[in-house]
């Protein structure tokens, strides 16, 4: 989605992760950090009993901005 908007990882300013209670949070954080290649963005982790789709374990919302 970033590429479609002519943006890259450094344009990411905020990430909210929604995880169900039985998800390995350490693994989720490691996966997020790996996907960002060391870029630091504001992060909000949220844990609940279920997500909008009962088959999902993790949902991610990303906000990015660019001057272009």
N, C-alpha and C. Protein backbone atom coordinates (compact mmCIF):
# COMPACT_ATOMS: atom_id res chain seq x y z
N UNK A 1 0.81 -1.18 0.00
CA UNK A 1 0.00 0.00 0.00
C UNK A 1 0.86 1.26 0.00
N UNK A 2 1.99 1.23 0.70
CA UNK A 2 2.86 2.40 0.68
C UNK A 2 3.35 2.70 -0.73
N UNK A 3 3.76 1.67 -1.44
CA UNK A 3 4.28 1.85 -2.81
C UNK A 3 3.20 2.45 -3.70
N UNK A 4 1.96 2.00 -3.56
CA UNK A 4 0.86 2.53 -4.38
C UNK A 4 0.66 4.02 -4.14
N UNK A 5 1.04 4.50 -2.96
CA UNK A 5 0.91 5.92 -2.63
C UNK A 5 2.24 6.66 -2.81
N UNK A 6 3.21 6.03 -3.46
CA UNK A 6 4.55 6.60 -3.67
C UNK A 6 5.24 6.95 -2.36
N UNK A 7 5.07 6.09 -1.35
CA UNK A 7 5.71 6.28 -0.05
C UNK A 7 6.55 5.06 0.28
N UNK A 8 7.42 5.22 1.29
CA UNK A 8 8.26 4.12 1.76
C UNK A 8 8.18 4.06 3.28
N UNK A 9 8.86 3.10 3.87
CA UNK A 9 8.81 2.89 5.32
C UNK A 9 9.12 4.16 6.12
N UNK A 10 10.10 4.99 5.76
CA UNK A 10 10.35 6.20 6.55
C UNK A 10 9.17 7.19 6.59
N UNK A 11 8.19 7.02 5.72
CA UNK A 11 6.99 7.86 5.75
C UNK A 11 5.98 7.41 6.79
N UNK A 12 6.17 6.23 7.38
CA UNK A 12 5.26 5.71 8.41
C UNK A 12 5.46 6.52 9.69
N UNK A 13 4.37 7.07 10.22
CA UNK A 13 4.46 7.88 11.44
C UNK A 13 3.78 7.21 12.63
N UNK A 14 2.85 6.28 12.37
CA UNK A 14 2.11 5.66 13.46
C UNK A 14 1.64 4.27 13.06
N UNK A 15 1.68 3.36 14.04
CA UNK A 15 1.19 2.00 13.83
C UNK A 15 0.37 1.60 15.05
N UNK A 16 -0.83 1.10 14.81
CA UNK A 16 -1.65 0.51 15.88
C UNK A 16 -1.79 -0.97 15.56
N UNK A 17 -1.45 -1.80 16.53
CA UNK A 17 -1.62 -3.24 16.34
C UNK A 17 -2.69 -3.73 17.31
N UNK A 18 -3.61 -4.49 16.78
CA UNK A 18 -4.70 -5.08 17.55
C UNK A 18 -4.47 -6.58 17.56
N UNK A 19 -4.26 -7.16 18.74
CA UNK A 19 -3.98 -8.59 18.85
C UNK A 19 -5.01 -9.24 19.75
N UNK A 20 -5.37 -10.49 19.42
CA UNK A 20 -6.21 -11.24 20.34
C UNK A 20 -5.33 -11.70 21.50
N UNK A 21 -5.97 -11.99 22.62
CA UNK A 21 -5.24 -12.23 23.87
C UNK A 21 -4.25 -13.39 23.80
N UNK A 22 -4.47 -14.37 22.93
CA UNK A 22 -3.58 -15.53 22.93
C UNK A 22 -2.42 -15.41 21.94
N UNK A 23 -2.21 -14.24 21.35
CA UNK A 23 -1.11 -14.04 20.40
C UNK A 23 0.20 -13.84 21.17
N UNK A 24 1.28 -14.37 20.63
CA UNK A 24 2.62 -14.17 21.20
C UNK A 24 3.03 -12.72 20.94
N UNK A 25 2.91 -11.87 21.94
CA UNK A 25 3.19 -10.44 21.77
C UNK A 25 4.65 -10.18 21.42
N UNK A 26 5.57 -10.95 21.99
CA UNK A 26 6.98 -10.76 21.65
C UNK A 26 7.21 -11.03 20.16
N UNK A 27 6.58 -12.06 19.63
CA UNK A 27 6.72 -12.37 18.20
C UNK A 27 6.07 -11.28 17.35
N UNK A 28 4.95 -10.74 17.80
CA UNK A 28 4.27 -9.67 17.05
C UNK A 28 5.14 -8.41 17.00
N UNK A 29 5.76 -8.07 18.12
CA UNK A 29 6.64 -6.90 18.17
C UNK A 29 7.87 -7.11 17.28
N UNK A 30 8.44 -8.29 17.34
CA UNK A 30 9.60 -8.61 16.50
C UNK A 30 9.24 -8.52 15.02
N UNK A 31 8.07 -9.02 14.64
CA UNK A 31 7.63 -8.96 13.24
C UNK A 31 7.44 -7.52 12.80
N UNK A 32 6.83 -6.69 13.66
CA UNK A 32 6.63 -5.27 13.33
C UNK A 32 7.97 -4.57 13.16
N UNK A 33 8.88 -4.78 14.11
CA UNK A 33 10.20 -4.14 14.04
C UNK A 33 10.96 -4.58 12.79
N UNK A 34 10.86 -5.84 12.45
CA UNK A 34 11.53 -6.36 11.26
C UNK A 34 10.97 -5.72 9.99
N UNK A 35 9.66 -5.55 9.93
CA UNK A 35 9.02 -4.96 8.75
C UNK A 35 9.39 -3.49 8.59
N UNK A 36 9.75 -2.82 9.69
CA UNK A 36 10.09 -1.40 9.63
C UNK A 36 11.58 -1.15 9.39
N UNK A 37 12.38 -2.21 9.30
CA UNK A 37 13.81 -2.08 8.99
C UNK A 37 14.52 -1.08 9.90
N UNK A 38 14.16 -1.05 11.18
CA UNK A 38 14.81 -0.15 12.11
C UNK A 38 14.17 1.23 12.22
N UNK A 39 13.23 1.55 11.34
CA UNK A 39 12.52 2.84 11.41
C UNK A 39 11.66 2.85 12.67
N UNK A 40 11.65 3.97 13.37
CA UNK A 40 10.85 4.09 14.58
C UNK A 40 9.64 4.96 14.31
N UNK A 41 8.47 4.43 14.62
CA UNK A 41 7.22 5.17 14.47
C UNK A 41 6.45 5.02 15.78
N UNK A 42 5.56 5.96 16.05
CA UNK A 42 4.70 5.84 17.23
C UNK A 42 3.94 4.52 17.12
N UNK A 43 3.90 3.77 18.21
CA UNK A 43 3.26 2.45 18.19
C UNK A 43 2.27 2.33 19.34
N UNK A 44 1.08 1.84 19.02
CA UNK A 44 0.06 1.59 20.03
C UNK A 44 -0.37 0.13 19.93
N UNK A 45 0.03 -0.71 20.90
CA UNK A 45 -0.44 -2.10 20.90
C UNK A 45 -1.73 -2.22 21.71
N UNK A 46 -2.70 -2.92 21.16
CA UNK A 46 -3.98 -3.11 21.84
C UNK A 46 -4.32 -4.60 21.82
N UNK A 47 -4.75 -5.12 22.96
CA UNK A 47 -5.09 -6.54 23.05
C UNK A 47 -6.55 -6.67 23.47
N UNK A 48 -7.25 -7.61 22.84
CA UNK A 48 -8.65 -7.84 23.17
C UNK A 48 -9.01 -9.31 23.01
N UNK A 49 -10.28 -9.61 23.25
CA UNK A 49 -10.75 -10.99 23.17
C UNK A 49 -10.91 -11.48 21.73
N UNK A 50 -11.25 -10.56 20.81
CA UNK A 50 -11.46 -10.94 19.42
C UNK A 50 -11.37 -9.69 18.54
N UNK A 51 -11.23 -9.92 17.24
CA UNK A 51 -11.19 -8.83 16.26
C UNK A 51 -12.47 -8.87 15.43
N UNK A 52 -12.60 -7.95 14.48
CA UNK A 52 -13.79 -7.89 13.65
C UNK A 52 -14.05 -9.17 12.88
N UNK A 53 -12.99 -9.83 12.43
CA UNK A 53 -13.10 -11.11 11.75
C UNK A 53 -12.61 -12.18 12.73
N UNK A 54 -13.44 -13.14 13.09
CA UNK A 54 -13.02 -14.13 14.09
C UNK A 54 -11.84 -15.00 13.67
N UNK A 55 -11.51 -15.03 12.38
CA UNK A 55 -10.36 -15.81 11.91
C UNK A 55 -9.04 -15.06 12.07
N UNK A 56 -9.08 -13.77 12.33
CA UNK A 56 -7.87 -12.96 12.45
C UNK A 56 -7.29 -13.07 13.85
N UNK A 57 -5.96 -13.05 13.93
CA UNK A 57 -5.26 -12.99 15.21
C UNK A 57 -4.66 -11.62 15.45
N UNK A 58 -4.31 -10.92 14.35
CA UNK A 58 -3.69 -9.60 14.43
C UNK A 58 -4.28 -8.72 13.35
N UNK A 59 -4.52 -7.47 13.69
CA UNK A 59 -4.93 -6.45 12.71
C UNK A 59 -3.98 -5.27 12.89
N UNK A 60 -3.56 -4.67 11.79
CA UNK A 60 -2.59 -3.58 11.85
C UNK A 60 -3.12 -2.37 11.10
N UNK A 61 -3.05 -1.21 11.74
CA UNK A 61 -3.43 0.06 11.10
C UNK A 61 -2.18 0.93 11.04
N UNK A 62 -1.84 1.39 9.84
CA UNK A 62 -0.64 2.19 9.63
C UNK A 62 -1.02 3.56 9.10
N UNK A 63 -0.40 4.59 9.66
CA UNK A 63 -0.57 5.96 9.16
C UNK A 63 0.78 6.41 8.62
N UNK A 64 0.77 6.89 7.38
CA UNK A 64 1.99 7.41 6.76
C UNK A 64 1.66 8.76 6.15
N UNK A 65 2.66 9.62 6.06
CA UNK A 65 2.45 10.92 5.42
C UNK A 65 3.69 11.29 4.62
N UNK A 66 3.45 12.13 3.62
CA UNK A 66 4.52 12.54 2.72
C UNK A 66 4.26 13.98 2.29
N UNK A 67 5.31 14.69 1.96
CA UNK A 67 5.16 16.07 1.49
C UNK A 67 4.62 16.13 0.07
N UNK A 68 4.76 15.06 -0.68
CA UNK A 68 4.36 15.06 -2.10
C UNK A 68 2.87 15.16 -2.28
